[in-house]
Each structure stands twice: as structure tokens, then as C-alpha cells.
Amino acid sequence: MNDASARGLDVEVVSRPPAGSLAEAAGLLGIQPREIIKSLVVKHKDGSFFFALVPGDRVISWPKLRSLLGVNKLSLPHSDVAFAATGYERGTITPLGSRTPWPVYADFGIEPGRICIGAGAHGHSAFVDSTDLIGALDATVADISDPEPPPQSSS
């Protein structure tokens, strides 16, 4: 987390047992899923990348994100492409310390206060103040998410 220090961020990295889902990770950390911020790598149609930060109880709204950027195509790259772009495996991705400092778009639904983000390694989570993080990353804050859809019944 050298990048975090260089940006003046106070980050607390904690170890936790492996989790099979975001909800499980939240339970292990004693927090609500919305307090975990997903750092998603998004591929722009021009071939560049950016980070989208979305609360754990929400999903990217592709129409909102495309409208914000004025493009008709965005995608989540394959995990090996995301790894090459950031240096982080899926599930550990953080905009802090990424191989390339891609632009960051943060959902306006990220609540002020202490949040949890990927720490760059499995079994670890990083806690940081959301307002400080968004400011340090010079993130664009916008409405880029929708509520997580309810689970499908298996009937």
C-alpha cells in the first residue's frame, strides 16, 4: 500500500479467512455488504481501462456508465486481461498501486465514512475513509450503479 501512503491515505489492512462471496467477506469482517466497495476494471471501447467503484450491494449500470462516458460500448475484461492491466487478481483489485493509474469513477451511493476495498491479495481487506479515497484518486463521482438484483429462485 505504498501508493496509499504516497497519496496521504490512512489505510488499515486486515487479514481474514478466504471468502466465497462478497456477502461472506462482509460477514467475516463484521460489516454490511454495502460497506465493501467493489473495484471493477472496465475496458473502454478505445482499448483503455478505468476503475469503477461500486458499493457491494449494487451492480454497475451499463446504460448509466455508457451515457456518462458518451460511448456505446464498455465491457468487463477477462480476468487475465484485468490482471495484466492492474497487477491484481480478480477479487483483490484496488485502484491503489495499480500497474497503471487508470481513471476512477466512483458511484455516488458510496456512503461517507469507513469502507472496505480490495487490498491486492487474497485473504486481506483494506479499510479507508471513502471521502479521503475518492479525493486521493481524483475520482469522478456519478450515478453509475443499480441495486443488486434479487437472487433467482431455483424452482
N, C-alpha and C. Protein backbone atom coordinates (compact mmCIF):
# COMPACT_ATOMS: atom_id res chain seq x y z
N MET A 1 0.83 -1.20 0.00
CA MET A 1 0.00 0.00 0.00
C MET A 1 0.87 1.26 0.00
N ASN A 2 2.03 1.18 -0.66
CA ASN A 2 2.89 2.35 -0.77
C ASN A 2 2.18 3.50 -1.49
N ASP A 3 1.37 3.16 -2.51
CA ASP A 3 0.63 4.17 -3.24
C ASP A 3 -0.31 4.93 -2.31
N ALA A 4 -0.95 4.20 -1.40
CA ALA A 4 -1.86 4.84 -0.44
C ALA A 4 -1.10 5.84 0.42
N SER A 5 0.07 5.46 0.91
CA SER A 5 0.88 6.37 1.73
C SER A 5 1.29 7.59 0.94
N ALA A 6 1.68 7.38 -0.32
CA ALA A 6 2.09 8.49 -1.17
C ALA A 6 0.93 9.46 -1.41
N ARG A 7 -0.28 8.95 -1.37
CA ARG A 7 -1.46 9.79 -1.57
C ARG A 7 -1.97 10.38 -0.26
N GLY A 8 -1.29 10.08 0.85
CA GLY A 8 -1.70 10.61 2.15
C GLY A 8 -2.89 9.90 2.75
N LEU A 9 -3.13 8.66 2.30
CA LEU A 9 -4.27 7.91 2.82
C LEU A 9 -3.87 7.07 4.03
N ASP A 10 -4.76 7.04 4.99
CA ASP A 10 -4.60 6.18 6.15
C ASP A 10 -5.37 4.90 5.86
N VAL A 11 -4.65 3.81 5.60
CA VAL A 11 -5.28 2.54 5.25
C VAL A 11 -4.92 1.50 6.29
N GLU A 12 -5.93 0.75 6.73
CA GLU A 12 -5.72 -0.36 7.65
C GLU A 12 -5.96 -1.65 6.87
N VAL A 13 -4.93 -2.47 6.70
CA VAL A 13 -5.06 -3.75 6.02
C VAL A 13 -5.26 -4.82 7.08
N VAL A 14 -6.31 -5.63 6.91
CA VAL A 14 -6.60 -6.69 7.85
C VAL A 14 -6.61 -8.04 7.12
N SER A 15 -6.21 -9.07 7.83
CA SER A 15 -6.29 -10.43 7.29
C SER A 15 -7.64 -11.01 7.65
N ARG A 16 -8.14 -11.87 6.76
CA ARG A 16 -9.40 -12.54 7.01
C ARG A 16 -9.36 -13.91 6.34
N PRO A 17 -10.18 -14.83 6.81
CA PRO A 17 -10.24 -16.13 6.14
C PRO A 17 -10.75 -15.97 4.71
N PRO A 18 -10.46 -16.92 3.84
CA PRO A 18 -10.97 -16.85 2.47
C PRO A 18 -12.50 -16.78 2.47
N ALA A 19 -13.04 -16.04 1.52
CA ALA A 19 -14.49 -15.89 1.41
C ALA A 19 -14.92 -16.29 0.01
N GLY A 20 -16.07 -16.96 -0.06
CA GLY A 20 -16.58 -17.40 -1.35
C GLY A 20 -17.45 -16.38 -2.05
N SER A 21 -17.79 -15.29 -1.33
CA SER A 21 -18.64 -14.26 -1.91
C SER A 21 -18.42 -12.95 -1.17
N LEU A 22 -18.92 -11.88 -1.76
CA LEU A 22 -18.82 -10.58 -1.10
C LEU A 22 -19.61 -10.60 0.21
N ALA A 23 -20.78 -11.19 0.20
CA ALA A 23 -21.59 -11.25 1.42
C ALA A 23 -20.86 -12.03 2.51
N GLU A 24 -20.19 -13.12 2.14
CA GLU A 24 -19.43 -13.89 3.12
C GLU A 24 -18.26 -13.07 3.66
N ALA A 25 -17.58 -12.34 2.79
CA ALA A 25 -16.48 -11.48 3.24
C ALA A 25 -16.99 -10.43 4.21
N ALA A 26 -18.14 -9.83 3.90
CA ALA A 26 -18.72 -8.82 4.80
C ALA A 26 -19.00 -9.43 6.17
N GLY A 27 -19.57 -10.63 6.19
CA GLY A 27 -19.85 -11.29 7.45
C GLY A 27 -18.59 -11.56 8.25
N LEU A 28 -17.54 -12.01 7.56
CA LEU A 28 -16.27 -12.28 8.23
C LEU A 28 -15.67 -11.00 8.82
N LEU A 29 -15.91 -9.87 8.15
CA LEU A 29 -15.36 -8.60 8.59
C LEU A 29 -16.29 -7.86 9.57
N GLY A 30 -17.50 -8.38 9.75
CA GLY A 30 -18.45 -7.75 10.66
C GLY A 30 -19.02 -6.44 10.13
N ILE A 31 -19.17 -6.36 8.81
CA ILE A 31 -19.71 -5.15 8.18
C ILE A 31 -20.84 -5.53 7.22
N GLN A 32 -21.53 -4.53 6.72
CA GLN A 32 -22.60 -4.75 5.75
C GLN A 32 -22.01 -4.82 4.34
N PRO A 33 -22.62 -5.59 3.44
CA PRO A 33 -22.11 -5.67 2.06
C PRO A 33 -21.92 -4.30 1.39
N ARG A 34 -22.79 -3.33 1.70
CA ARG A 34 -22.66 -2.00 1.08
C ARG A 34 -21.38 -1.28 1.49
N GLU A 35 -20.77 -1.72 2.63
CA GLU A 35 -19.53 -1.10 3.10
C GLU A 35 -18.29 -1.64 2.38
N ILE A 36 -18.46 -2.74 1.64
CA ILE A 36 -17.38 -3.24 0.79
C ILE A 36 -17.55 -2.60 -0.57
N ILE A 37 -16.53 -1.95 -1.04
CA ILE A 37 -16.59 -1.28 -2.34
C ILE A 37 -15.87 -2.14 -3.36
N LYS A 38 -16.62 -2.56 -4.37
CA LYS A 38 -16.05 -3.36 -5.45
C LYS A 38 -15.24 -2.45 -6.36
N SER A 39 -14.01 -2.83 -6.63
CA SER A 39 -13.16 -2.10 -7.58
C SER A 39 -13.16 -2.92 -8.87
N LEU A 40 -13.91 -2.45 -9.84
CA LEU A 40 -14.06 -3.18 -11.09
C LEU A 40 -13.23 -2.53 -12.20
N VAL A 41 -12.53 -3.35 -12.95
CA VAL A 41 -11.78 -2.86 -14.10
C VAL A 41 -12.72 -2.91 -15.29
N VAL A 42 -12.88 -1.78 -15.97
CA VAL A 42 -13.76 -1.70 -17.12
C VAL A 42 -12.92 -1.32 -18.34
N LYS A 43 -13.21 -2.01 -19.44
CA LYS A 43 -12.49 -1.73 -20.69
C LYS A 43 -13.34 -0.79 -21.54
N HIS A 44 -12.72 0.32 -21.92
CA HIS A 44 -13.33 1.32 -22.78
C HIS A 44 -13.26 0.83 -24.22
N LYS A 45 -14.16 1.29 -25.07
CA LYS A 45 -14.15 0.82 -26.46
C LYS A 45 -12.86 1.21 -27.19
N ASP A 46 -12.13 2.23 -26.69
CA ASP A 46 -10.87 2.62 -27.33
C ASP A 46 -9.70 1.73 -26.89
N GLY A 47 -9.98 0.73 -26.03
CA GLY A 47 -8.94 -0.19 -25.58
C GLY A 47 -8.31 0.18 -24.25
N SER A 48 -8.59 1.38 -23.74
CA SER A 48 -8.06 1.78 -22.44
C SER A 48 -8.94 1.19 -21.34
N PHE A 49 -8.52 1.39 -20.10
CA PHE A 49 -9.25 0.87 -18.96
C PHE A 49 -9.54 1.99 -17.97
N PHE A 50 -10.47 1.72 -17.07
CA PHE A 50 -10.70 2.59 -15.93
C PHE A 50 -11.27 1.74 -14.80
N PHE A 51 -11.29 2.31 -13.61
CA PHE A 51 -11.86 1.64 -12.45
C PHE A 51 -13.25 2.20 -12.19
N ALA A 52 -14.16 1.31 -11.86
CA ALA A 52 -15.49 1.71 -11.39
C ALA A 52 -15.62 1.21 -9.96
N LEU A 53 -15.88 2.11 -9.04
CA LEU A 53 -16.04 1.76 -7.63
C LEU A 53 -17.54 1.75 -7.31
N VAL A 54 -18.02 0.58 -6.86
CA VAL A 54 -19.45 0.39 -6.65
C VAL A 54 -19.68 -0.30 -5.31
N PRO A 55 -20.65 0.20 -4.51
CA PRO A 55 -20.94 -0.48 -3.24
C PRO A 55 -21.30 -1.94 -3.46
N GLY A 56 -20.96 -2.77 -2.49
CA GLY A 56 -21.14 -4.21 -2.60
C GLY A 56 -22.56 -4.69 -2.78
N ASP A 57 -23.54 -3.87 -2.43
CA ASP A 57 -24.93 -4.27 -2.61
C ASP A 57 -25.52 -3.71 -3.90
N ARG A 58 -24.64 -3.24 -4.80
CA ARG A 58 -25.09 -2.65 -6.07
C ARG A 58 -24.26 -3.24 -7.22
N VAL A 59 -24.73 -3.03 -8.43
CA VAL A 59 -24.03 -3.50 -9.63
C VAL A 59 -23.86 -2.33 -10.59
N ILE A 60 -22.88 -2.45 -11.47
CA ILE A 60 -22.70 -1.41 -12.49
C ILE A 60 -23.96 -1.30 -13.33
N SER A 61 -24.36 -0.07 -13.59
CA SER A 61 -25.44 0.19 -14.54
C SER A 61 -24.75 0.53 -15.86
N TRP A 62 -24.74 -0.43 -16.77
CA TRP A 62 -24.06 -0.19 -18.05
C TRP A 62 -24.67 0.99 -18.81
N PRO A 63 -26.01 1.13 -18.87
CA PRO A 63 -26.56 2.31 -19.57
C PRO A 63 -26.10 3.63 -18.95
N LYS A 64 -26.10 3.71 -17.62
CA LYS A 64 -25.67 4.95 -16.95
C LYS A 64 -24.19 5.24 -17.22
N LEU A 65 -23.36 4.20 -17.15
CA LEU A 65 -21.92 4.39 -17.35
C LEU A 65 -21.63 4.77 -18.80
N ARG A 66 -22.29 4.10 -19.75
CA ARG A 66 -22.08 4.45 -21.17
C ARG A 66 -22.52 5.89 -21.44
N SER A 67 -23.64 6.28 -20.86
CA SER A 67 -24.14 7.65 -21.04
C SER A 67 -23.16 8.66 -20.46
N LEU A 68 -22.66 8.38 -19.27
CA LEU A 68 -21.71 9.29 -18.62
C LEU A 68 -20.47 9.51 -19.49
N LEU A 69 -19.99 8.42 -20.10
CA LEU A 69 -18.77 8.48 -20.90
C LEU A 69 -19.03 8.80 -22.37
N GLY A 70 -20.29 8.83 -22.77
CA GLY A 70 -20.62 9.14 -24.15
C GLY A 70 -20.16 8.08 -25.14
N VAL A 71 -20.23 6.82 -24.73
CA VAL A 71 -19.83 5.71 -25.60
C VAL A 71 -20.95 4.69 -25.68
N ASN A 72 -20.87 3.84 -26.69
CA ASN A 72 -21.90 2.81 -26.83
C ASN A 72 -21.40 1.42 -26.46
N LYS A 73 -20.12 1.33 -26.06
CA LYS A 73 -19.59 0.01 -25.71
C LYS A 73 -18.56 0.11 -24.59
N LEU A 74 -18.81 -0.66 -23.54
CA LEU A 74 -17.89 -0.85 -22.42
C LEU A 74 -17.99 -2.32 -22.05
N SER A 75 -16.95 -2.86 -21.43
CA SER A 75 -17.02 -4.26 -21.04
C SER A 75 -16.13 -4.54 -19.84
N LEU A 76 -16.44 -5.64 -19.16
CA LEU A 76 -15.55 -6.15 -18.12
C LEU A 76 -14.58 -7.09 -18.81
N PRO A 77 -13.30 -6.81 -18.75
CA PRO A 77 -12.35 -7.68 -19.42
C PRO A 77 -12.21 -9.02 -18.72
N HIS A 78 -11.73 -10.00 -19.45
CA HIS A 78 -11.44 -11.31 -18.88
C HIS A 78 -10.46 -11.12 -17.73
N SER A 79 -10.47 -12.03 -16.75
CA SER A 79 -9.64 -11.89 -15.56
C SER A 79 -8.15 -11.77 -15.87
N ASP A 80 -7.66 -12.46 -16.91
CA ASP A 80 -6.23 -12.34 -17.23
C ASP A 80 -5.90 -10.98 -17.81
N VAL A 81 -6.84 -10.37 -18.52
CA VAL A 81 -6.63 -9.03 -19.06
C VAL A 81 -6.65 -8.01 -17.92
N ALA A 82 -7.58 -8.19 -16.97
CA ALA A 82 -7.64 -7.29 -15.82
C ALA A 82 -6.35 -7.40 -15.01
N PHE A 83 -5.83 -8.63 -14.85
CA PHE A 83 -4.58 -8.82 -14.12
C PHE A 83 -3.43 -8.11 -14.83
N ALA A 84 -3.34 -8.25 -16.15
CA ALA A 84 -2.27 -7.59 -16.91
C ALA A 84 -2.38 -6.07 -16.79
N ALA A 85 -3.60 -5.55 -16.74
CA ALA A 85 -3.81 -4.11 -16.67
C ALA A 85 -3.51 -3.53 -15.30
N THR A 86 -3.74 -4.33 -14.24
CA THR A 86 -3.63 -3.78 -12.88
C THR A 86 -2.53 -4.41 -12.03
N GLY A 87 -2.21 -5.68 -12.31
CA GLY A 87 -1.29 -6.42 -11.45
C GLY A 87 -2.01 -7.12 -10.32
N TYR A 88 -3.34 -7.08 -10.33
CA TYR A 88 -4.14 -7.69 -9.26
C TYR A 88 -5.08 -8.75 -9.84
N GLU A 89 -5.25 -9.84 -9.09
CA GLU A 89 -6.21 -10.87 -9.46
C GLU A 89 -7.62 -10.39 -9.12
N ARG A 90 -8.59 -10.88 -9.88
CA ARG A 90 -9.99 -10.55 -9.59
C ARG A 90 -10.29 -10.95 -8.15
N GLY A 91 -11.02 -10.10 -7.45
CA GLY A 91 -11.32 -10.34 -6.04
C GLY A 91 -10.34 -9.65 -5.12
N THR A 92 -9.23 -9.13 -5.66
CA THR A 92 -8.25 -8.41 -4.85
C THR A 92 -8.00 -7.01 -5.41
N ILE A 93 -8.66 -6.68 -6.52
CA ILE A 93 -8.37 -5.44 -7.26
C ILE A 93 -8.62 -4.20 -6.43
N THR A 94 -7.70 -3.28 -6.54
CA THR A 94 -7.80 -1.97 -5.91
C THR A 94 -7.17 -0.95 -6.86
N PRO A 95 -7.70 0.27 -6.90
CA PRO A 95 -7.04 1.28 -7.73
C PRO A 95 -5.72 1.76 -7.13
N LEU A 96 -5.49 1.43 -5.87
CA LEU A 96 -4.25 1.84 -5.21
C LEU A 96 -3.12 0.90 -5.61
N GLY A 97 -2.09 1.44 -6.18
CA GLY A 97 -0.93 0.64 -6.55
C GLY A 97 -1.09 -0.11 -7.85
N SER A 98 -2.10 0.20 -8.61
CA SER A 98 -2.29 -0.46 -9.90
C SER A 98 -1.09 -0.19 -10.80
N ARG A 99 -0.77 -1.17 -11.67
CA ARG A 99 0.36 -1.01 -12.61
C ARG A 99 0.26 0.29 -13.39
N THR A 100 -0.96 0.66 -13.76
CA THR A 100 -1.21 1.91 -14.47
C THR A 100 -2.28 2.66 -13.69
N PRO A 101 -2.08 3.95 -13.45
CA PRO A 101 -3.07 4.72 -12.70
C PRO A 101 -4.26 5.12 -13.58
N TRP A 102 -5.15 4.16 -13.84
CA TRP A 102 -6.31 4.42 -14.68
C TRP A 102 -7.26 5.41 -14.01
N PRO A 103 -8.08 6.11 -14.80
CA PRO A 103 -9.10 6.99 -14.21
C PRO A 103 -10.04 6.19 -13.32
N VAL A 104 -10.67 6.87 -12.37
CA VAL A 104 -11.57 6.21 -11.43
C VAL A 104 -12.93 6.92 -11.46
N TYR A 105 -13.98 6.10 -11.55
CA TYR A 105 -15.35 6.58 -11.46
C TYR A 105 -15.96 5.92 -10.22
N ALA A 106 -16.44 6.73 -9.30
CA ALA A 106 -16.99 6.23 -8.04
C ALA A 106 -18.49 6.47 -8.02
N ASP A 107 -19.24 5.45 -7.65
CA ASP A 107 -20.69 5.60 -7.58
C ASP A 107 -21.07 6.58 -6.47
N PHE A 108 -22.05 7.42 -6.76
CA PHE A 108 -22.46 8.41 -5.78
C PHE A 108 -23.12 7.79 -4.57
N GLY A 109 -23.43 6.48 -4.61
CA GLY A 109 -24.03 5.79 -3.49
C GLY A 109 -23.03 5.31 -2.45
N ILE A 110 -21.73 5.53 -2.69
CA ILE A 110 -20.74 5.17 -1.68
C ILE A 110 -20.91 6.11 -0.50
N GLU A 111 -21.22 5.53 0.66
CA GLU A 111 -21.50 6.33 1.83
C GLU A 111 -20.23 6.92 2.43
N PRO A 112 -20.33 8.13 3.00
CA PRO A 112 -19.18 8.70 3.68
C PRO A 112 -18.81 7.84 4.89
N GLY A 113 -17.53 7.78 5.18
CA GLY A 113 -17.07 7.02 6.34
C GLY A 113 -16.15 5.88 5.97
N ARG A 114 -16.00 4.97 6.90
CA ARG A 114 -15.06 3.85 6.74
C ARG A 114 -15.64 2.80 5.79
N ILE A 115 -14.86 2.48 4.76
CA ILE A 115 -15.26 1.46 3.79
C ILE A 115 -14.15 0.44 3.66
N CYS A 116 -14.45 -0.64 2.99
CA CYS A 116 -13.50 -1.71 2.77
C CYS A 116 -13.30 -1.88 1.26
N ILE A 117 -12.05 -1.98 0.84
CA ILE A 117 -11.73 -2.21 -0.58
C ILE A 117 -10.75 -3.38 -0.67
N GLY A 118 -10.51 -3.82 -1.88
CA GLY A 118 -9.52 -4.87 -2.10
C GLY A 118 -8.15 -4.40 -1.63
N ALA A 119 -7.37 -5.34 -1.15
CA ALA A 119 -6.04 -5.00 -0.64
C ALA A 119 -4.92 -5.52 -1.53
N GLY A 120 -5.28 -6.07 -2.70
CA GLY A 120 -4.26 -6.53 -3.62
C GLY A 120 -3.83 -7.97 -3.44
N ALA A 121 -4.38 -8.64 -2.42
CA ALA A 121 -4.02 -10.04 -2.17
C ALA A 121 -5.22 -10.75 -1.54
N HIS A 122 -5.41 -12.02 -1.91
CA HIS A 122 -6.50 -12.81 -1.32
C HIS A 122 -6.29 -12.94 0.18
N GLY A 123 -7.40 -12.94 0.93
CA GLY A 123 -7.33 -13.08 2.38
C GLY A 123 -7.01 -11.80 3.11
N HIS A 124 -7.03 -10.68 2.39
CA HIS A 124 -6.77 -9.39 3.02
C HIS A 124 -7.80 -8.37 2.52
N SER A 125 -8.14 -7.44 3.37
CA SER A 125 -9.04 -6.35 3.03
C SER A 125 -8.44 -5.06 3.56
N ALA A 126 -8.74 -3.96 2.89
CA ALA A 126 -8.20 -2.66 3.29
C ALA A 126 -9.34 -1.73 3.68
N PHE A 127 -9.23 -1.12 4.84
CA PHE A 127 -10.21 -0.15 5.30
C PHE A 127 -9.65 1.25 5.12
N VAL A 128 -10.49 2.14 4.63
CA VAL A 128 -10.07 3.51 4.35
C VAL A 128 -11.32 4.40 4.42
N ASP A 129 -11.13 5.68 4.66
CA ASP A 129 -12.24 6.63 4.63
C ASP A 129 -12.64 6.88 3.18
N SER A 130 -13.92 6.72 2.87
CA SER A 130 -14.38 6.84 1.48
C SER A 130 -14.13 8.23 0.89
N THR A 131 -14.38 9.27 1.67
CA THR A 131 -14.17 10.63 1.17
C THR A 131 -12.70 10.87 0.86
N ASP A 132 -11.84 10.40 1.75
CA ASP A 132 -10.40 10.55 1.52
C ASP A 132 -9.95 9.77 0.28
N LEU A 133 -10.48 8.54 0.12
CA LEU A 133 -10.11 7.71 -1.02
C LEU A 133 -10.53 8.36 -2.33
N ILE A 134 -11.78 8.79 -2.40
CA ILE A 134 -12.30 9.40 -3.62
C ILE A 134 -11.50 10.65 -3.98
N GLY A 135 -11.15 11.45 -2.97
CA GLY A 135 -10.35 12.65 -3.21
C GLY A 135 -8.94 12.32 -3.65
N ALA A 136 -8.32 11.35 -2.99
CA ALA A 136 -6.93 10.98 -3.32
C ALA A 136 -6.82 10.39 -4.72
N LEU A 137 -7.87 9.73 -5.18
CA LEU A 137 -7.87 9.14 -6.52
C LEU A 137 -8.35 10.11 -7.58
N ASP A 138 -8.77 11.30 -7.17
CA ASP A 138 -9.35 12.29 -8.07
C ASP A 138 -10.48 11.66 -8.88
N ALA A 139 -11.29 10.85 -8.18
CA ALA A 139 -12.36 10.10 -8.84
C ALA A 139 -13.50 11.01 -9.26
N THR A 140 -14.12 10.65 -10.36
CA THR A 140 -15.34 11.28 -10.81
C THR A 140 -16.49 10.57 -10.10
N VAL A 141 -17.30 11.33 -9.37
CA VAL A 141 -18.43 10.74 -8.64
C VAL A 141 -19.68 10.94 -9.48
N ALA A 142 -20.40 9.83 -9.72
CA ALA A 142 -21.60 9.89 -10.56
C ALA A 142 -22.50 8.70 -10.22
N ASP A 143 -23.73 8.76 -10.71
CA ASP A 143 -24.67 7.66 -10.55
C ASP A 143 -24.34 6.61 -11.62
N ILE A 144 -23.62 5.56 -11.21
CA ILE A 144 -23.19 4.54 -12.17
C ILE A 144 -23.64 3.14 -11.76
N SER A 145 -24.59 3.04 -10.83
CA SER A 145 -24.98 1.70 -10.36
C SER A 145 -26.49 1.57 -10.22
N ASP A 146 -26.89 0.32 -10.08
CA ASP A 146 -28.27 -0.04 -9.79
C ASP A 146 -28.25 -1.01 -8.61
N PRO A 147 -29.39 -1.17 -7.91
CA PRO A 147 -29.43 -2.16 -6.82
C PRO A 147 -29.12 -3.56 -7.36
N GLU A 148 -28.47 -4.34 -6.51
CA GLU A 148 -28.19 -5.74 -6.86
C GLU A 148 -29.53 -6.44 -7.07
N PRO A 149 -29.70 -7.15 -8.19
CA PRO A 149 -30.97 -7.85 -8.38
C PRO A 149 -31.14 -8.96 -7.34
N PRO A 150 -32.39 -9.28 -6.99
CA PRO A 150 -32.60 -10.36 -6.01
C PRO A 150 -32.12 -11.69 -6.59
N PRO A 151 -31.72 -12.60 -5.72
CA PRO A 151 -31.26 -13.91 -6.21
C PRO A 151 -32.39 -14.64 -6.94
N GLN A 152 -32.02 -15.36 -7.97
CA GLN A 152 -33.01 -16.15 -8.73
C GLN A 152 -33.39 -17.38 -7.91
N SER A 153 -34.66 -17.69 -7.88
CA SER A 153 -35.07 -18.91 -7.18
C SER A 153 -34.76 -20.11 -8.06
N SER A 154 -34.51 -21.23 -7.43
CA SER A 154 -34.12 -22.43 -8.18
C SER A 154 -35.28 -23.40 -8.29
N SER A 155 -36.48 -22.86 -8.51
CA SER A 155 -37.65 -23.73 -8.61
C SER A 155 -38.01 -24.05 -10.04
